[in-house]
Amino acid sequence: IDVANSPIKNPFIIPGLRKIKIESREQLHRVYASLSAADSRWLLQEYLPGGAERVALYNAYFDARHQPWAVFTGRKLRQYPVDYGTASLSQACWIPGLAEPLTAFLQQLDYIGPVDMGLKWDARQRVYKLLDVNPRLGQNYRTFVAYGHARADLGWLTYAELAELPLKLHRPLRARPRRWKIEDHDWRSCRELQRRGELSLRAWARDWLRWRSGRHERAYWAWRDPQPLFWQRARWRQQRAAAAPPPAAA
C-alpha cells in the first residue's frame, strides 16, 4: 500500500515510511479500516519480490503531434529507502523490447510532453509489470542525456518545443551510457545494504572506483555550478536543527 501523499498518523505507519507491505488478508482489513478512517488517498498494488536492480526506467518526450522525440530506457541500481524508495543511483542503458510497446501505447493515447515510468521485472511470470506513470519530468530524468547534444534531456526538449526553437536532431534520440546519483540518499542506501549484509565493503569500494572512472553526474555537485550543493547543505542544516531535541526548560 502506497501512502506517500497521505499525512496519516496511526499505529500501522512508521514515520518516514511511504509504503506498507501486507502479509495477510487480516492485516489488509485492519490497515484498510485505519487508513479509510483517516484519509482516502492510498493505493493498493501487487507486491513484486526483488530489489531495486529489477526496476526498469522508461523516459520519453512526445511532441505536439504525438511523435516521440526521445525514447530512453535504463535501470535503477539502488534506491532510498532501500525497500520501496526512489532511485538513488540509476543507469542509462538500452533494454531491448521494453520501449516499443510503451511508446506505441502512449501514441494511442495521443500523449504530449515528457513521461517517466517505472516497471519491475516479475521473475515468476518473466514479464515487466508497471509500477507507476508520472506525466512529467521524473526525479532522475538527468540519468538520460542524448547523443549528439550536450543539453538534450527531457527538460531541455520540453523547453525547446515550447520556445519554438529549431531542432535538427535525429529522432528518436537515444541516451548515452551513464549513471546519475543523489549523493546523500545513495550513501544512506549503501550504508543500509552493508548493514544488512547485502553489500560488501569491497563491492562498495569497487562501485566507487567505477563511478570515478566514468562520465556520470551527481544530483547536487558540479564544478561549473556549485550553487545546488550550497543550497542543499543549508537545507540539511535546517533539517538537523528541526530534528534536534528542544533545550531543557530553565
C-alpha atoms as a PDB file:
ATOM      1  CA  ILE A   1       0.000   0.000   0.000  1.00  0.00           C
ATOM      2  CA  ASP A   2       1.420   3.359  -1.058  1.00  0.00           C
ATOM      3  CA  VAL A   3       0.634   6.177   1.383  1.00  0.00           C
ATOM      4  CA  ALA A   4       3.251   8.602   0.093  1.00  0.00           C
ATOM      5  CA  ASN A   5       0.894  11.588  -0.184  1.00  0.00           C
ATOM      6  CA  SER A   6      -1.239  10.884   2.845  1.00  0.00           C
ATOM      7  CA  PRO A   7      -0.483  12.623   6.177  1.00  0.00           C
ATOM      8  CA  ILE A   8      -1.873   9.688   8.176  1.00  0.00           C
ATOM      9  CA  LYS A   9      -0.965   9.082  11.798  1.00  0.00           C
ATOM     10  CA  ASN A  10      -1.900   5.627  13.022  1.00  0.00           C
ATOM     11  CA  PRO A  11      -0.198   2.568  14.559  1.00  0.00           C
ATOM     12  CA  PHE A  12       0.349   0.964  11.149  1.00  0.00           C
ATOM     13  CA  ILE A  13       2.507   3.780   9.771  1.00  0.00           C
ATOM     14  CA  ILE A  14       6.170   4.166  10.681  1.00  0.00           C
ATOM     15  CA  PRO A  15       7.324   7.809  10.470  1.00  0.00           C
ATOM     16  CA  GLY A  16       9.016   8.411   7.132  1.00  0.00           C
ATOM     17  CA  LEU A  17       7.724   5.145   5.635  1.00  0.00           C
ATOM     18  CA  ARG A  18       5.973   5.604   2.312  1.00  0.00           C
ATOM     19  CA  LYS A  19       4.626   2.089   1.801  1.00  0.00           C
ATOM     20  CA  ILE A  20       3.285  -0.831   3.824  1.00  0.00           C
ATOM     21  CA  LYS A  21       3.773  -4.472   2.868  1.00  0.00           C
ATOM     22  CA  ILE A  22       0.613  -6.510   3.529  1.00  0.00           C
ATOM     23  CA  GLU A  23       1.281 -10.092   4.670  1.00  0.00           C
ATOM     24  CA  SER A  24      -2.250 -11.439   5.152  1.00  0.00           C
ATOM     25  CA  ARG A  25      -5.922 -10.781   4.487  1.00  0.00           C
ATOM     26  CA  GLU A  26      -6.450 -10.000   8.182  1.00  0.00           C
ATOM     27  CA  GLN A  27      -3.728  -7.356   8.132  1.00  0.00           C
ATOM     28  CA  LEU A  28      -5.268  -5.864   4.986  1.00  0.00           C
ATOM     29  CA  HIS A  29      -8.635  -5.488   6.752  1.00  0.00           C
ATOM     30  CA  ARG A  30      -7.009  -3.828   9.777  1.00  0.00           C
ATOM     31  CA  VAL A  31      -4.918  -1.426   7.703  1.00  0.00           C
ATOM     32  CA  TYR A  32      -7.844  -0.643   5.404  1.00  0.00           C
ATOM     33  CA  ALA A  33     -10.064   0.286   8.359  1.00  0.00           C
ATOM     34  CA  SER A  34      -7.376   2.541   9.800  1.00  0.00           C
ATOM     35  CA  LEU A  35      -6.437   4.241   6.540  1.00  0.00           C
ATOM     36  CA  SER A  36     -10.012   4.761   5.370  1.00  0.00           C
ATOM     37  CA  ALA A  37     -10.913   6.447   8.628  1.00  0.00           C
ATOM     38  CA  ALA A  38      -8.045   8.915   8.255  1.00  0.00           C
ATOM     39  CA  ASP A  39      -7.627   9.514   4.533  1.00  0.00           C
ATOM     40  CA  SER A  40      -8.738   8.069   1.203  1.00  0.00           C
ATOM     41  CA  ARG A  41      -5.544   8.812  -0.748  1.00  0.00           C
ATOM     42  CA  TRP A  42      -3.804   5.451  -0.864  1.00  0.00           C
ATOM     43  CA  LEU A  43      -3.095   2.815  -3.461  1.00  0.00           C
ATOM     44  CA  LEU A  44      -3.140  -0.986  -3.269  1.00  0.00           C
ATOM     45  CA  GLN A  45      -0.982  -2.872  -5.760  1.00  0.00           C
ATOM     46  CA  GLU A  46       0.729  -6.230  -6.142  1.00  0.00           C
ATOM     47  CA  TYR A  47       3.976  -6.753  -4.264  1.00  0.00           C
ATOM     48  CA  LEU A  48       6.789  -7.859  -6.566  1.00  0.00           C
ATOM     49  CA  PRO A  49       9.782  -9.542  -4.889  1.00  0.00           C
ATOM     50  CA  GLY A  50      13.311  -8.357  -5.566  1.00  0.00           C
ATOM     51  CA  GLY A  51      15.290  -5.199  -5.040  1.00  0.00           C
ATOM     52  CA  ALA A  52      15.974  -2.033  -6.981  1.00  0.00           C
ATOM     53  CA  GLU A  53      18.080  -3.909  -9.527  1.00  0.00           C
ATOM     54  CA  ARG A  54      14.881  -5.374 -11.011  1.00  0.00           C
ATOM     55  CA  VAL A  55      13.321  -1.963 -11.713  1.00  0.00           C
ATOM     56  CA  ALA A  56      13.481  -0.660 -15.286  1.00  0.00           C
ATOM     57  CA  LEU A  57      13.025   3.004 -16.217  1.00  0.00           C
ATOM     58  CA  TYR A  58      11.324   4.457 -19.300  1.00  0.00           C
ATOM     59  CA  ASN A  59      11.598   8.166 -20.079  1.00  0.00           C
ATOM     60  CA  ALA A  60      10.289   9.738 -23.283  1.00  0.00           C
ATOM     61  CA  TYR A  61       9.188  13.013 -24.824  1.00  0.00           C
ATOM     62  CA  PHE A  62       6.286  13.277 -27.307  1.00  0.00           C
ATOM     63  CA  ASP A  63       5.816  16.428 -29.360  1.00  0.00           C
ATOM     64  CA  ALA A  64       2.541  18.203 -30.168  1.00  0.00           C
ATOM     65  CA  ARG A  65       1.922  15.711 -32.985  1.00  0.00           C
ATOM     66  CA  HIS A  66       2.342  12.783 -30.558  1.00  0.00           C
ATOM     67  CA  GLN A  67       5.640  11.767 -32.139  1.00  0.00           C
ATOM     68  CA  PRO A  68       8.485  10.586 -29.873  1.00  0.00           C
ATOM     69  CA  TRP A  69      11.450  12.959 -29.913  1.00  0.00           C
ATOM     70  CA  ALA A  70      13.316  10.933 -27.314  1.00  0.00           C
ATOM     71  CA  VAL A  71      12.910   7.402 -26.000  1.00  0.00           C
ATOM     72  CA  PHE A  72      15.220   6.444 -23.142  1.00  0.00           C
ATOM     73  CA  THR A  73      15.436   3.280 -21.051  1.00  0.00           C
ATOM     74  CA  GLY A  74      17.563   2.445 -18.036  1.00  0.00           C
ATOM     75  CA  ARG A  75      17.676   0.758 -14.664  1.00  0.00           C
ATOM     76  CA  LYS A  76      17.611   1.536 -11.004  1.00  0.00           C
ATOM     77  CA  LEU A  77      20.768   0.306  -9.303  1.00  0.00           C
ATOM     78  CA  ARG A  78      19.943   1.441  -5.783  1.00  0.00           C
ATOM     79  CA  GLN A  79      17.060   3.242  -4.125  1.00  0.00           C
ATOM     80  CA  TYR A  80      16.289   5.009  -0.864  1.00  0.00           C
ATOM     81  CA  PRO A  81      14.544   3.905   1.261  1.00  0.00           C
ATOM     82  CA  VAL A  82      16.105   0.579   0.308  1.00  0.00           C
ATOM     83  CA  ASP A  83      12.905  -1.451   0.022  1.00  0.00           C
ATOM     84  CA  TYR A  84      10.383   0.938  -1.554  1.00  0.00           C
ATOM     85  CA  GLY A  85      12.240   4.124  -2.405  1.00  0.00           C
ATOM     86  CA  THR A  86      13.063   6.336  -5.350  1.00  0.00           C
ATOM     87  CA  ALA A  87      16.267   5.915  -7.331  1.00  0.00           C
ATOM     88  CA  SER A  88      19.412   6.992  -5.510  1.00  0.00           C
ATOM     89  CA  LEU A  89      21.615   5.507  -8.261  1.00  0.00           C
ATOM     90  CA  SER A  90      20.334   4.873 -11.786  1.00  0.00           C
ATOM     91  CA  GLN A  91      21.903   3.948 -15.106  1.00  0.00           C
ATOM     92  CA  ALA A  92      21.003   4.718 -18.703  1.00  0.00           C
ATOM     93  CA  CYS A  93      21.111   1.599 -20.862  1.00  0.00           C
ATOM     94  CA  TRP A  94      19.026   0.298 -23.735  1.00  0.00           C
ATOM     95  CA  ILE A  95      16.684  -2.560 -22.721  1.00  0.00           C
ATOM     96  CA  PRO A  96      15.555  -4.484 -25.827  1.00  0.00           C
ATOM     97  CA  GLY A  97      11.811  -4.971 -26.107  1.00  0.00           C
ATOM     98  CA  LEU A  98      10.872  -2.566 -23.307  1.00  0.00           C
ATOM     99  CA  ALA A  99      10.413   0.750 -25.121  1.00  0.00           C
ATOM    100  CA  GLU A 100       8.472  -0.349 -28.191  1.00  0.00           C
ATOM    101  CA  PRO A 101       5.151  -1.389 -26.558  1.00  0.00           C
ATOM    102  CA  LEU A 102       5.215   1.556 -24.140  1.00  0.00           C
ATOM    103  CA  THR A 103       5.831   4.052 -26.944  1.00  0.00           C
ATOM    104  CA  ALA A 104       3.054   2.558 -29.052  1.00  0.00           C
ATOM    105  CA  PHE A 105       0.661   2.655 -26.088  1.00  0.00           C
ATOM    106  CA  LEU A 106       1.349   6.335 -25.365  1.00  0.00           C
ATOM    107  CA  GLN A 107       0.904   7.238 -29.030  1.00  0.00           C
ATOM    108  CA  GLN A 108      -2.505   5.528 -28.985  1.00  0.00           C
ATOM    109  CA  LEU A 109      -3.403   7.862 -26.104  1.00  0.00           C
ATOM    110  CA  ASP A 110      -2.260  10.905 -28.168  1.00  0.00           C
ATOM    111  CA  TYR A 111       0.190  11.683 -25.387  1.00  0.00           C
ATOM    112  CA  ILE A 112       2.089  15.005 -25.412  1.00  0.00           C
ATOM    113  CA  GLY A 113       5.076  16.023 -23.298  1.00  0.00           C
ATOM    114  CA  PRO A 114       7.547  14.262 -21.010  1.00  0.00           C
ATOM    115  CA  VAL A 115       6.724  10.995 -19.264  1.00  0.00           C
ATOM    116  CA  ASP A 116       8.532   8.941 -16.634  1.00  0.00           C
ATOM    117  CA  MET A 117       7.622   5.277 -15.993  1.00  0.00           C
ATOM    118  CA  GLY A 118       8.914   2.654 -13.617  1.00  0.00           C
ATOM    119  CA  LEU A 119       8.478  -1.069 -14.257  1.00  0.00           C
ATOM    120  CA  LYS A 120       9.615  -4.086 -12.254  1.00  0.00           C
ATOM    121  CA  TRP A 121      10.645  -7.482 -13.521  1.00  0.00           C
ATOM    122  CA  ASP A 122       8.446 -10.301 -12.208  1.00  0.00           C
ATOM    123  CA  ALA A 123      10.672 -13.381 -12.333  1.00  0.00           C
ATOM    124  CA  ARG A 124       7.687 -15.664 -11.681  1.00  0.00           C
ATOM    125  CA  GLN A 125       5.927 -14.699 -14.911  1.00  0.00           C
ATOM    126  CA  ARG A 126       9.043 -13.397 -16.699  1.00  0.00           C
ATOM    127  CA  VAL A 127       7.477 -10.069 -17.612  1.00  0.00           C
ATOM    128  CA  TYR A 128       7.853  -6.405 -16.641  1.00  0.00           C
ATOM    129  CA  LYS A 129       4.934  -5.030 -14.641  1.00  0.00           C
ATOM    130  CA  LEU A 130       4.076  -1.348 -14.404  1.00  0.00           C
ATOM    131  CA  LEU A 131       4.805   0.353 -11.084  1.00  0.00           C
ATOM    132  CA  ASP A 132       3.918   3.976 -11.790  1.00  0.00           C
ATOM    133  CA  VAL A 133       3.415   6.557 -14.545  1.00  0.00           C
ATOM    134  CA  ASN A 134       4.473  10.176 -14.000  1.00  0.00           C
ATOM    135  CA  PRO A 135       3.139  12.548 -16.712  1.00  0.00           C
ATOM    136  CA  ARG A 136       6.005  14.979 -16.053  1.00  0.00           C
ATOM    137  CA  LEU A 137       9.762  15.090 -15.607  1.00  0.00           C
ATOM    138  CA  GLY A 138      10.847  12.329 -13.255  1.00  0.00           C
ATOM    139  CA  GLN A 139      13.151  12.911 -10.307  1.00  0.00           C
ATOM    140  CA  ASN A 140      16.048  11.150 -12.044  1.00  0.00           C
ATOM    141  CA  TYR A 141      15.473  12.453 -15.587  1.00  0.00           C
ATOM    142  CA  ARG A 142      19.117  13.611 -15.790  1.00  0.00           C
ATOM    143  CA  THR A 143      20.107   9.958 -15.942  1.00  0.00           C
ATOM    144  CA  PHE A 144      19.245  10.286 -19.632  1.00  0.00           C
ATOM    145  CA  VAL A 145      21.187  12.680 -21.857  1.00  0.00           C
ATOM    146  CA  ALA A 146      21.070  12.015 -25.583  1.00  0.00           C
ATOM    147  CA  TYR A 147      23.904  11.537 -28.013  1.00  0.00           C
ATOM    148  CA  GLY A 148      24.700  14.482 -30.234  1.00  0.00           C
ATOM    149  CA  HIS A 149      23.747  17.375 -27.975  1.00  0.00           C
ATOM    150  CA  ALA A 150      25.115  18.276 -24.545  1.00  0.00           C
ATOM    151  CA  ARG A 151      21.745  19.527 -23.264  1.00  0.00           C
ATOM    152  CA  ALA A 152      19.356  17.078 -24.891  1.00  0.00           C
ATOM    153  CA  ASP A 153      17.450  15.736 -21.912  1.00  0.00           C
ATOM    154  CA  LEU A 154      13.681  15.755 -21.375  1.00  0.00           C
ATOM    155  CA  GLY A 155      13.727  19.132 -19.639  1.00  0.00           C
ATOM    156  CA  TRP A 156      15.605  20.769 -22.500  1.00  0.00           C
ATOM    157  CA  LEU A 157      13.333  19.166 -25.121  1.00  0.00           C
ATOM    158  CA  THR A 158      10.245  20.434 -23.287  1.00  0.00           C
ATOM    159  CA  TYR A 159      11.633  23.967 -23.210  1.00  0.00           C
ATOM    160  CA  ALA A 160      12.824  23.818 -26.826  1.00  0.00           C
ATOM    161  CA  GLU A 161       9.410  22.899 -28.172  1.00  0.00           C
ATOM    162  CA  LEU A 162       7.538  25.463 -26.063  1.00  0.00           C
ATOM    163  CA  ALA A 163      10.038  28.155 -27.103  1.00  0.00           C
ATOM    164  CA  GLU A 164       9.733  27.031 -30.750  1.00  0.00           C
ATOM    165  CA  LEU A 165      13.474  26.580 -31.118  1.00  0.00           C
ATOM    166  CA  PRO A 166      14.617  24.981 -34.379  1.00  0.00           C
ATOM    167  CA  LEU A 167      15.807  21.462 -33.632  1.00  0.00           C
ATOM    168  CA  LYS A 168      17.921  19.490 -36.054  1.00  0.00           C
ATOM    169  CA  LEU A 169      18.025  16.182 -34.229  1.00  0.00           C
ATOM    170  CA  HIS A 170      17.700  12.629 -35.447  1.00  0.00           C
ATOM    171  CA  ARG A 171      14.607  11.208 -33.768  1.00  0.00           C
ATOM    172  CA  PRO A 172      14.042   9.340 -31.619  1.00  0.00           C
ATOM    173  CA  LEU A 173      17.073  10.260 -29.542  1.00  0.00           C
ATOM    174  CA  ARG A 174      18.968   7.584 -27.625  1.00  0.00           C
ATOM    175  CA  ALA A 175      20.696   8.108 -24.280  1.00  0.00           C
ATOM    176  CA  ARG A 176      24.402   7.972 -23.610  1.00  0.00           C
ATOM    177  CA  PRO A 177      25.538   5.166 -21.273  1.00  0.00           C
ATOM    178  CA  ARG A 178      25.995   6.940 -17.951  1.00  0.00           C
ATOM    179  CA  ARG A 179      24.944   6.955 -14.300  1.00  0.00           C
ATOM    180  CA  TRP A 180      23.234   9.502 -12.066  1.00  0.00           C
ATOM    181  CA  LYS A 181      23.086   9.563  -8.270  1.00  0.00           C
ATOM    182  CA  ILE A 182      21.695  11.520  -5.327  1.00  0.00           C
ATOM    183  CA  GLU A 183      24.752  11.737  -3.125  1.00  0.00           C
ATOM    184  CA  ASP A 184      23.246  11.672   0.372  1.00  0.00           C
ATOM    185  CA  HIS A 185      20.478   9.182  -0.449  1.00  0.00           C
ATOM    186  CA  ASP A 186      22.893   6.779  -2.126  1.00  0.00           C
ATOM    187  CA  TRP A 187      25.234   6.957   0.863  1.00  0.00           C
ATOM    188  CA  ARG A 188      22.342   6.032   3.146  1.00  0.00           C
ATOM    189  CA  SER A 189      21.276   3.245   0.793  1.00  0.00           C
ATOM    190  CA  CYS A 190      24.795   1.757   0.694  1.00  0.00           C
ATOM    191  CA  ARG A 191      25.116   2.010   4.462  1.00  0.00           C
ATOM    192  CA  GLU A 192      21.814   0.173   4.977  1.00  0.00           C
ATOM    193  CA  LEU A 193      22.674  -2.526   2.421  1.00  0.00           C
ATOM    194  CA  GLN A 194      26.073  -3.007   4.033  1.00  0.00           C
ATOM    195  CA  ARG A 195      24.452  -3.312   7.463  1.00  0.00           C
ATOM    196  CA  ARG A 196      22.117  -5.995   6.108  1.00  0.00           C
ATOM    197  CA  GLY A 197      24.993  -7.914   4.572  1.00  0.00           C
ATOM    198  CA  GLU A 198      23.749  -7.290   1.014  1.00  0.00           C
ATOM    199  CA  LEU A 199      26.672  -5.042   0.008  1.00  0.00           C
ATOM    200  CA  SER A 200      30.237  -5.857   0.991  1.00  0.00           C
ATOM    201  CA  LEU A 201      32.831  -3.189   1.650  1.00  0.00           C
ATOM    202  CA  ARG A 202      34.803  -4.495  -1.319  1.00  0.00           C
ATOM    203  CA  ALA A 203      31.805  -4.166  -3.630  1.00  0.00           C
ATOM    204  CA  TRP A 204      31.118  -0.691  -2.236  1.00  0.00           C
ATOM    205  CA  ALA A 205      34.720   0.368  -2.957  1.00  0.00           C
ATOM    206  CA  ARG A 206      34.611  -1.201  -6.440  1.00  0.00           C
ATOM    207  CA  ASP A 207      31.404   0.702  -7.196  1.00  0.00           C
ATOM    208  CA  TRP A 208      33.017   3.961  -6.038  1.00  0.00           C
ATOM    209  CA  LEU A 209      36.037   3.374  -8.293  1.00  0.00           C
ATOM    210  CA  ARG A 210      33.764   2.619 -11.234  1.00  0.00           C
ATOM    211  CA  TRP A 211      31.932   5.890 -10.607  1.00  0.00           C
ATOM    212  CA  ARG A 212      35.200   7.843 -10.530  1.00  0.00           C
ATOM    213  CA  SER A 213      36.368   6.365 -13.837  1.00  0.00           C
ATOM    214  CA  GLY A 214      33.207   7.099 -15.857  1.00  0.00           C
ATOM    215  CA  ARG A 215      31.263  10.054 -17.222  1.00  0.00           C
ATOM    216  CA  HIS A 216      28.499  10.320 -14.679  1.00  0.00           C
ATOM    217  CA  GLU A 217      26.509  13.032 -12.904  1.00  0.00           C
ATOM    218  CA  ARG A 218      25.600  13.883  -9.331  1.00  0.00           C
ATOM    219  CA  ALA A 219      22.350  15.495  -8.252  1.00  0.00           C
ATOM    220  CA  TYR A 220      23.957  18.330  -6.260  1.00  0.00           C
ATOM    221  CA  TRP A 221      27.614  18.760  -7.147  1.00  0.00           C
ATOM    222  CA  ALA A 222      29.162  20.072 -10.378  1.00  0.00           C
ATOM    223  CA  TRP A 223      32.383  22.055 -10.698  1.00  0.00           C
ATOM    224  CA  ARG A 224      30.831  24.569 -13.076  1.00  0.00           C
ATOM    225  CA  ASP A 225      27.803  25.188 -10.833  1.00  0.00           C
ATOM    226  CA  PRO A 226      28.322  24.665  -7.063  1.00  0.00           C
ATOM    227  CA  GLN A 227      25.168  26.541  -6.048  1.00  0.00           C
ATOM    228  CA  PRO A 228      22.895  23.439  -5.782  1.00  0.00           C
ATOM    229  CA  LEU A 229      25.290  21.866  -3.269  1.00  0.00           C
ATOM    230  CA  PHE A 230      25.401  25.053  -1.166  1.00  0.00           C
ATOM    231  CA  TRP A 231      21.609  25.214  -1.199  1.00  0.00           C
ATOM    232  CA  GLN A 232      21.330  21.568  -0.206  1.00  0.00           C
ATOM    233  CA  ARG A 233      23.858  21.982   2.624  1.00  0.00           C
ATOM    234  CA  ALA A 234      21.717  24.766   4.038  1.00  0.00           C
ATOM    235  CA  ARG A 235      18.682  22.506   3.778  1.00  0.00           C
ATOM    236  CA  TRP A 236      20.496  19.682   5.585  1.00  0.00           C
ATOM    237  CA  ARG A 237      21.390  22.064   8.437  1.00  0.00           C
ATOM    238  CA  GLN A 238      17.753  23.148   8.707  1.00  0.00           C
ATOM    239  CA  GLN A 239      16.601  19.529   8.835  1.00  0.00           C
ATOM    240  CA  ARG A 240      19.116  18.640  11.553  1.00  0.00           C
ATOM    241  CA  ALA A 241      18.105  21.680  13.584  1.00  0.00           C
ATOM    242  CA  ALA A 242      14.411  20.742  13.261  1.00  0.00           C
ATOM    243  CA  ALA A 243      15.130  17.151  14.342  1.00  0.00           C
ATOM    244  CA  ALA A 244      17.248  18.164  17.350  1.00  0.00           C
ATOM    245  CA  PRO A 245      15.584  17.780  20.773  1.00  0.00           C
ATOM    246  CA  PRO A 246      14.362  21.048  22.299  1.00  0.00           C
ATOM    247  CA  PRO A 247      16.537  22.591  25.034  1.00  0.00           C
ATOM    248  CA  ALA A 248      15.617  21.790  28.604  1.00  0.00           C
ATOM    249  CA  ALA A 249      13.304  24.247  30.302  1.00  0.00           C
ATOM    250  CA  ALA A 250      15.032  26.745  32.586  1.00  0.00           C
END
